[in-house]
Amino acid sequence: MTDNHRSSRPFRLRALPAWSLVAAGVVAGGLLGVEYGVVRPPAYTATSYVIAVHTSKADTASALGFAQAYGRVATQLAVLADAQVWAGVPVNTLRDNVHSETSPDAPMVAVSATSVRPALAADMANAVARALTRHADDIAAETHVQLLQFSRAVQPTAPSSASVKVTALVGASAGGLLGTLGLLVRPRRRPEEEQPARPASVPGPAVAADAHGKV
């Protein structure tokens, strides 16, 4: 490959319009987002709620504090090991697909489970919530706080995962960002490349004759 061919490639890149890299990134990212949204199976999320109730030997602040604590241990091995019996799935499946949330204002724990099967998502959420309430009942005599089932998880009817339109939009946005970053590292035109080279001047016959006479 000659030097002219090697130098022509960076020049072609520099000659492309600035918006072309951004446009190419948006199109490529959007197509990848559509493909991801179509290939990936939809996921469903179900949520079960339990509430902390204090006895006469405790107060509302205690119930709120224990609700925060139970929310942190809901996905621990001790709880999940019991929940796997009712959910019918291994502990690893529960650990990867179940999470819990608490509220700073209400003594309530939300246990959510996600699965490609709506019925299994509800079963996992209810199983973990059931195991959590049993663990709380075992120490209720010392904590003076009980966990009660507030709302059972029901089988979801709509997926919780992003739709194809959303994944396409996210992909296009990411592609556009990468295209913009590509503009920052794209080779810039050198001053000598922006202006065409001037042809070398050839002395006319008169100039050549004068030069010959002086020699």
C-alpha atoms as a PDB file:
ATOM      1  CA  MET A   1       0.000   0.000   0.000  1.00  0.00           C
ATOM      2  CA  THR A   2       1.497   3.367  -1.006  1.00  0.00           C
ATOM      3  CA  ASP A   3       1.857   6.395   1.234  1.00  0.00           C
ATOM      4  CA  ASN A   4      -0.833   8.200  -0.775  1.00  0.00           C
ATOM      5  CA  HIS A   5      -3.373   5.476   0.098  1.00  0.00           C
ATOM      6  CA  ARG A   6      -2.408   5.590   3.779  1.00  0.00           C
ATOM      7  CA  SER A   7      -2.808   9.343   4.009  1.00  0.00           C
ATOM      8  CA  SER A   8      -6.088   9.357   2.082  1.00  0.00           C
ATOM      9  CA  ARG A   9      -8.071   7.482   4.770  1.00  0.00           C
ATOM     10  CA  PRO A  10      -7.624  10.049   7.576  1.00  0.00           C
ATOM     11  CA  PHE A  11      -8.360  12.740   5.015  1.00  0.00           C
ATOM     12  CA  ARG A  12     -11.651  11.071   4.091  1.00  0.00           C
ATOM     13  CA  LEU A  13     -12.599  10.906   7.772  1.00  0.00           C
ATOM     14  CA  ARG A  14     -11.795  14.556   8.214  1.00  0.00           C
ATOM     15  CA  ALA A  15     -13.776  15.412   5.093  1.00  0.00           C
ATOM     16  CA  LEU A  16     -17.018  13.863   6.443  1.00  0.00           C
ATOM     17  CA  PRO A  17     -19.602  16.343   7.770  1.00  0.00           C
ATOM     18  CA  ALA A  18     -19.599  16.738  11.537  1.00  0.00           C
ATOM     19  CA  TRP A  19     -23.188  15.577  11.870  1.00  0.00           C
ATOM     20  CA  SER A  20     -22.552  12.303  10.022  1.00  0.00           C
ATOM     21  CA  LEU A  21     -20.920  10.605  13.027  1.00  0.00           C
ATOM     22  CA  VAL A  22     -23.766  11.626  15.306  1.00  0.00           C
ATOM     23  CA  ALA A  23     -26.400  10.483  12.801  1.00  0.00           C
ATOM     24  CA  ALA A  24     -24.658   7.148  12.298  1.00  0.00           C
ATOM     25  CA  GLY A  25     -24.465   6.627  16.062  1.00  0.00           C
ATOM     26  CA  VAL A  26     -28.166   7.406  16.532  1.00  0.00           C
ATOM     27  CA  VAL A  27     -29.214   4.996  13.772  1.00  0.00           C
ATOM     28  CA  ALA A  28     -26.928   2.184  14.921  1.00  0.00           C
ATOM     29  CA  GLY A  29     -27.905   2.603  18.574  1.00  0.00           C
ATOM     30  CA  GLY A  30     -31.600   2.672  17.731  1.00  0.00           C
ATOM     31  CA  LEU A  31     -31.354  -0.533  15.713  1.00  0.00           C
ATOM     32  CA  LEU A  32     -29.491  -2.288  18.513  1.00  0.00           C
ATOM     33  CA  GLY A  33     -32.106  -1.082  20.997  1.00  0.00           C
ATOM     34  CA  VAL A  34     -34.927  -2.466  18.857  1.00  0.00           C
ATOM     35  CA  GLU A  35     -33.144  -5.799  18.523  1.00  0.00           C
ATOM     36  CA  TYR A  36     -32.583  -5.994  22.277  1.00  0.00           C
ATOM     37  CA  GLY A  37     -36.218  -5.180  23.024  1.00  0.00           C
ATOM     38  CA  VAL A  38     -37.487  -7.812  20.586  1.00  0.00           C
ATOM     39  CA  VAL A  39     -35.119 -10.625  21.601  1.00  0.00           C
ATOM     40  CA  ARG A  40     -35.334 -10.158  25.367  1.00  0.00           C
ATOM     41  CA  PRO A  41     -38.392 -11.834  26.931  1.00  0.00           C
ATOM     42  CA  PRO A  42     -40.706  -9.547  28.932  1.00  0.00           C
ATOM     43  CA  ALA A  43     -40.326  -9.517  32.708  1.00  0.00           C
ATOM     44  CA  TYR A  44     -43.150  -9.252  35.253  1.00  0.00           C
ATOM     45  CA  THR A  45     -42.962  -7.855  38.789  1.00  0.00           C
ATOM     46  CA  ALA A  46     -45.291  -8.630  41.697  1.00  0.00           C
ATOM     47  CA  THR A  47     -45.187  -6.981  45.133  1.00  0.00           C
ATOM     48  CA  SER A  48     -46.349  -8.159  48.548  1.00  0.00           C
ATOM     49  CA  TYR A  49     -46.670  -5.798  51.525  1.00  0.00           C
ATOM     50  CA  VAL A  50     -46.231  -6.527  55.221  1.00  0.00           C
ATOM     51  CA  ILE A  51     -46.757  -4.050  58.036  1.00  0.00           C
ATOM     52  CA  ALA A  52     -45.080  -3.790  61.435  1.00  0.00           C
ATOM     53  CA  VAL A  53     -47.503  -3.493  64.367  1.00  0.00           C
ATOM     54  CA  HIS A  54     -46.339  -2.712  67.901  1.00  0.00           C
ATOM     55  CA  THR A  55     -47.820  -4.201  71.059  1.00  0.00           C
ATOM     56  CA  SER A  56     -48.762  -2.333  74.198  1.00  0.00           C
ATOM     57  CA  LYS A  57     -45.158  -2.570  75.396  1.00  0.00           C
ATOM     58  CA  ALA A  58     -43.793  -0.622  72.406  1.00  0.00           C
ATOM     59  CA  ASP A  59     -44.647   2.471  70.410  1.00  0.00           C
ATOM     60  CA  THR A  60     -44.971   3.635  66.817  1.00  0.00           C
ATOM     61  CA  ALA A  61     -41.303   4.620  66.615  1.00  0.00           C
ATOM     62  CA  SER A  62     -40.311   1.078  67.543  1.00  0.00           C
ATOM     63  CA  ALA A  63     -42.548  -0.374  64.848  1.00  0.00           C
ATOM     64  CA  LEU A  64     -41.056   1.990  62.275  1.00  0.00           C
ATOM     65  CA  GLY A  65     -37.524   1.108  63.323  1.00  0.00           C
ATOM     66  CA  PHE A  66     -38.122  -2.640  63.158  1.00  0.00           C
ATOM     67  CA  ALA A  67     -39.805  -2.263  59.762  1.00  0.00           C
ATOM     68  CA  GLN A  68     -36.582  -0.721  58.465  1.00  0.00           C
ATOM     69  CA  ALA A  69     -34.582  -3.578  59.968  1.00  0.00           C
ATOM     70  CA  TYR A  70     -36.857  -6.272  58.548  1.00  0.00           C
ATOM     71  CA  GLY A  71     -36.652  -4.630  55.139  1.00  0.00           C
ATOM     72  CA  ARG A  72     -32.875  -5.109  55.186  1.00  0.00           C
ATOM     73  CA  VAL A  73     -33.028  -8.774  56.223  1.00  0.00           C
ATOM     74  CA  ALA A  74     -35.850  -9.753  53.854  1.00  0.00           C
ATOM     75  CA  THR A  75     -33.380 -10.884  51.211  1.00  0.00           C
ATOM     76  CA  GLN A  76     -30.909 -12.527  53.582  1.00  0.00           C
ATOM     77  CA  LEU A  77     -30.168 -16.243  53.378  1.00  0.00           C
ATOM     78  CA  ALA A  78     -32.034 -17.107  56.591  1.00  0.00           C
ATOM     79  CA  VAL A  79     -35.303 -15.771  55.158  1.00  0.00           C
ATOM     80  CA  LEU A  80     -34.792 -16.977  51.604  1.00  0.00           C
ATOM     81  CA  ALA A  81     -33.955 -20.503  52.736  1.00  0.00           C
ATOM     82  CA  ASP A  82     -37.440 -20.802  54.229  1.00  0.00           C
ATOM     83  CA  ALA A  83     -39.103 -19.013  51.327  1.00  0.00           C
ATOM     84  CA  GLN A  84     -37.716 -21.392  48.712  1.00  0.00           C
ATOM     85  CA  VAL A  85     -39.951 -24.176  50.031  1.00  0.00           C
ATOM     86  CA  TRP A  86     -43.129 -22.199  49.322  1.00  0.00           C
ATOM     87  CA  ALA A  87     -41.865 -20.552  46.135  1.00  0.00           C
ATOM     88  CA  GLY A  88     -40.608 -23.799  44.637  1.00  0.00           C
ATOM     89  CA  VAL A  89     -37.380 -22.222  43.318  1.00  0.00           C
ATOM     90  CA  PRO A  90     -33.761 -22.337  44.533  1.00  0.00           C
ATOM     91  CA  VAL A  91     -32.340 -19.761  46.918  1.00  0.00           C
ATOM     92  CA  ASN A  92     -30.153 -18.318  44.161  1.00  0.00           C
ATOM     93  CA  THR A  93     -33.236 -17.539  42.080  1.00  0.00           C
ATOM     94  CA  LEU A  94     -34.825 -15.707  44.986  1.00  0.00           C
ATOM     95  CA  ARG A  95     -31.626 -13.801  45.751  1.00  0.00           C
ATOM     96  CA  ASP A  96     -31.281 -12.628  42.151  1.00  0.00           C
ATOM     97  CA  ASN A  97     -34.910 -11.691  41.557  1.00  0.00           C
ATOM     98  CA  VAL A  98     -36.334 -10.487  44.891  1.00  0.00           C
ATOM     99  CA  HIS A  99     -35.727  -7.112  46.504  1.00  0.00           C
ATOM    100  CA  SER A 100     -37.324  -5.212  49.364  1.00  0.00           C
ATOM    101  CA  GLU A 101     -38.091  -1.561  50.049  1.00  0.00           C
ATOM    102  CA  THR A 102     -39.177   0.379  53.109  1.00  0.00           C
ATOM    103  CA  SER A 103     -40.710   3.779  53.732  1.00  0.00           C
ATOM    104  CA  PRO A 104     -39.215   6.352  56.125  1.00  0.00           C
ATOM    105  CA  ASP A 105     -42.722   7.406  57.165  1.00  0.00           C
ATOM    106  CA  ALA A 106     -44.705   4.145  57.397  1.00  0.00           C
ATOM    107  CA  PRO A 107     -43.824   0.861  59.177  1.00  0.00           C
ATOM    108  CA  MET A 108     -44.264  -1.153  56.002  1.00  0.00           C
ATOM    109  CA  VAL A 109     -42.043  -3.468  53.954  1.00  0.00           C
ATOM    110  CA  ALA A 110     -42.585  -4.033  50.226  1.00  0.00           C
ATOM    111  CA  VAL A 111     -41.258  -7.341  48.891  1.00  0.00           C
ATOM    112  CA  SER A 112     -41.059  -7.431  45.082  1.00  0.00           C
ATOM    113  CA  ALA A 113     -40.141 -10.339  42.817  1.00  0.00           C
ATOM    114  CA  THR A 114     -39.457 -10.351  39.084  1.00  0.00           C
ATOM    115  CA  SER A 115     -39.797 -13.250  36.646  1.00  0.00           C
ATOM    116  CA  VAL A 116     -40.625 -13.970  33.017  1.00  0.00           C
ATOM    117  CA  ARG A 117     -43.616 -15.914  34.385  1.00  0.00           C
ATOM    118  CA  PRO A 118     -46.241 -13.692  36.049  1.00  0.00           C
ATOM    119  CA  ALA A 119     -47.499 -16.434  38.374  1.00  0.00           C
ATOM    120  CA  LEU A 120     -43.980 -17.236  39.581  1.00  0.00           C
ATOM    121  CA  ALA A 121     -43.315 -13.580  40.314  1.00  0.00           C
ATOM    122  CA  ALA A 122     -46.338 -13.469  42.621  1.00  0.00           C
ATOM    123  CA  ASP A 123     -45.415 -16.793  44.265  1.00  0.00           C
ATOM    124  CA  MET A 124     -41.873 -15.636  45.031  1.00  0.00           C
ATOM    125  CA  ALA A 125     -43.007 -12.317  46.501  1.00  0.00           C
ATOM    126  CA  ASN A 126     -45.606 -13.980  48.725  1.00  0.00           C
ATOM    127  CA  ALA A 127     -43.178 -16.705  49.799  1.00  0.00           C
ATOM    128  CA  VAL A 128     -40.531 -14.226  50.939  1.00  0.00           C
ATOM    129  CA  ALA A 129     -43.121 -12.066  52.708  1.00  0.00           C
ATOM    130  CA  ARG A 130     -44.469 -15.152  54.491  1.00  0.00           C
ATOM    131  CA  ALA A 131     -41.009 -16.251  55.586  1.00  0.00           C
ATOM    132  CA  LEU A 132     -40.221 -12.741  56.807  1.00  0.00           C
ATOM    133  CA  THR A 133     -43.360 -12.549  58.969  1.00  0.00           C
ATOM    134  CA  ARG A 134     -42.534 -15.927  60.516  1.00  0.00           C
ATOM    135  CA  HIS A 135     -39.056 -14.788  61.459  1.00  0.00           C
ATOM    136  CA  ALA A 136     -40.533 -11.641  62.994  1.00  0.00           C
ATOM    137  CA  ASP A 137     -43.075 -13.688  64.964  1.00  0.00           C
ATOM    138  CA  ASP A 138     -40.296 -15.862  66.407  1.00  0.00           C
ATOM    139  CA  ILE A 139     -38.767 -12.867  68.171  1.00  0.00           C
ATOM    140  CA  ALA A 140     -41.929 -10.816  68.756  1.00  0.00           C
ATOM    141  CA  ALA A 141     -41.810 -11.564  72.492  1.00  0.00           C
ATOM    142  CA  GLU A 142     -38.496  -9.697  72.683  1.00  0.00           C
ATOM    143  CA  THR A 143     -39.113  -6.949  70.120  1.00  0.00           C
ATOM    144  CA  HIS A 144     -42.784  -6.354  70.994  1.00  0.00           C
ATOM    145  CA  VAL A 145     -43.362  -5.807  67.251  1.00  0.00           C
ATOM    146  CA  GLN A 146     -45.199  -8.107  64.874  1.00  0.00           C
ATOM    147  CA  LEU A 147     -45.242  -8.306  61.100  1.00  0.00           C
ATOM    148  CA  LEU A 148     -48.659  -8.818  59.527  1.00  0.00           C
ATOM    149  CA  GLN A 149     -49.618  -9.501  55.930  1.00  0.00           C
ATOM    150  CA  PHE A 150     -50.986  -6.222  54.621  1.00  0.00           C
ATOM    151  CA  SER A 151     -51.450  -7.085  50.931  1.00  0.00           C
ATOM    152  CA  ARG A 152     -50.653 -10.265  49.046  1.00  0.00           C
ATOM    153  CA  ALA A 153     -48.947 -10.123  45.676  1.00  0.00           C
ATOM    154  CA  VAL A 154     -51.232 -10.824  42.731  1.00  0.00           C
ATOM    155  CA  GLN A 155     -50.287 -12.103  39.326  1.00  0.00           C
ATOM    156  CA  PRO A 156     -49.265  -9.099  37.186  1.00  0.00           C
ATOM    157  CA  THR A 157     -51.048  -8.572  33.898  1.00  0.00           C
ATOM    158  CA  ALA A 158     -48.540  -6.231  32.236  1.00  0.00           C
ATOM    159  CA  PRO A 159     -44.764  -6.534  31.961  1.00  0.00           C
ATOM    160  CA  SER A 160     -42.580  -4.292  34.053  1.00  0.00           C
ATOM    161  CA  SER A 161     -39.647  -4.409  31.627  1.00  0.00           C
ATOM    162  CA  ALA A 162     -39.059  -1.632  29.122  1.00  0.00           C
ATOM    163  CA  SER A 163     -40.927  -1.774  25.824  1.00  0.00           C
ATOM    164  CA  VAL A 164     -39.284  -1.907  22.405  1.00  0.00           C
ATOM    165  CA  LYS A 165     -39.902   1.823  21.957  1.00  0.00           C
ATOM    166  CA  VAL A 166     -38.073   2.584  25.199  1.00  0.00           C
ATOM    167  CA  THR A 167     -35.095   0.356  24.399  1.00  0.00           C
ATOM    168  CA  ALA A 168     -34.890   1.890  20.912  1.00  0.00           C
ATOM    169  CA  LEU A 169     -34.925   5.389  22.400  1.00  0.00           C
ATOM    170  CA  VAL A 170     -32.249   4.490  24.942  1.00  0.00           C
ATOM    171  CA  GLY A 171     -30.105   2.886  22.240  1.00  0.00           C
ATOM    172  CA  ALA A 172     -30.452   5.894  19.955  1.00  0.00           C
ATOM    173  CA  SER A 173     -29.522   8.253  22.788  1.00  0.00           C
ATOM    174  CA  ALA A 174     -26.449   6.201  23.666  1.00  0.00           C
ATOM    175  CA  GLY A 175     -25.455   6.007  19.989  1.00  0.00           C
ATOM    176  CA  GLY A 176     -25.814   9.752  19.606  1.00  0.00           C
ATOM    177  CA  LEU A 177     -23.644  10.307  22.668  1.00  0.00           C
ATOM    178  CA  LEU A 178     -20.946   8.019  21.291  1.00  0.00           C
ATOM    179  CA  GLY A 179     -21.130   9.825  17.954  1.00  0.00           C
ATOM    180  CA  THR A 180     -20.675  13.158  19.716  1.00  0.00           C
ATOM    181  CA  LEU A 181     -17.670  11.803  21.570  1.00  0.00           C
ATOM    182  CA  GLY A 182     -16.325  10.587  18.228  1.00  0.00           C
ATOM    183  CA  LEU A 183     -16.349  14.179  17.008  1.00  0.00           C
ATOM    184  CA  LEU A 184     -13.983  15.130  19.796  1.00  0.00           C
ATOM    185  CA  VAL A 185     -11.390  12.538  18.779  1.00  0.00           C
ATOM    186  CA  ARG A 186     -11.885  12.805  15.008  1.00  0.00           C
ATOM    187  CA  PRO A 187      -8.712  13.962  13.161  1.00  0.00           C
ATOM    188  CA  ARG A 188      -8.872  17.635  12.310  1.00  0.00           C
ATOM    189  CA  ARG A 189      -7.930  19.128   8.996  1.00  0.00           C
ATOM    190  CA  ARG A 190      -4.450  20.601   8.774  1.00  0.00           C
ATOM    191  CA  PRO A 191      -4.115  24.055   7.191  1.00  0.00           C
ATOM    192  CA  GLU A 192      -2.231  22.667   4.211  1.00  0.00           C
ATOM    193  CA  GLU A 193      -5.103  20.227   3.511  1.00  0.00           C
ATOM    194  CA  GLU A 194      -7.822  22.874   3.601  1.00  0.00           C
ATOM    195  CA  GLN A 195      -6.354  24.795   0.642  1.00  0.00           C
ATOM    196  CA  PRO A 196      -5.450  23.129  -2.664  1.00  0.00           C
ATOM    197  CA  ALA A 197      -1.767  23.020  -3.471  1.00  0.00           C
ATOM    198  CA  ARG A 198      -0.617  25.658  -5.953  1.00  0.00           C
ATOM    199  CA  PRO A 199       1.117  24.343  -9.109  1.00  0.00           C
ATOM    200  CA  ALA A 200       4.814  25.076  -9.360  1.00  0.00           C
ATOM    201  CA  SER A 201       5.580  28.039 -11.600  1.00  0.00           C
ATOM    202  CA  VAL A 202       7.657  27.371 -14.693  1.00  0.00           C
ATOM    203  CA  PRO A 203       9.869  30.205 -15.936  1.00  0.00           C
ATOM    204  CA  GLY A 204       8.916  31.559 -19.342  1.00  0.00           C
ATOM    205  CA  PRO A 205      11.219  31.507 -22.371  1.00  0.00           C
ATOM    206  CA  ALA A 206      12.428  35.054 -21.775  1.00  0.00           C
ATOM    207  CA  VAL A 207      13.437  34.317 -18.215  1.00  0.00           C
ATOM    208  CA  ALA A 208      15.174  31.133 -19.317  1.00  0.00           C
ATOM    209  CA  ALA A 209      17.096  33.028 -22.071  1.00  0.00           C
ATOM    210  CA  ASP A 210      18.267  35.686 -19.651  1.00  0.00           C
ATOM    211  CA  ALA A 211      19.474  33.083 -17.273  1.00  0.00           C
ATOM    212  CA  HIS A 212      21.375  31.295 -20.092  1.00  0.00           C
ATOM    213  CA  GLY A 213      23.067  34.535 -21.103  1.00  0.00           C
ATOM    214  CA  LYS A 214      24.328  35.209 -17.620  1.00  0.00           C
ATOM    215  CA  VAL A 215      25.993  31.811 -17.323  1.00  0.00           C
END
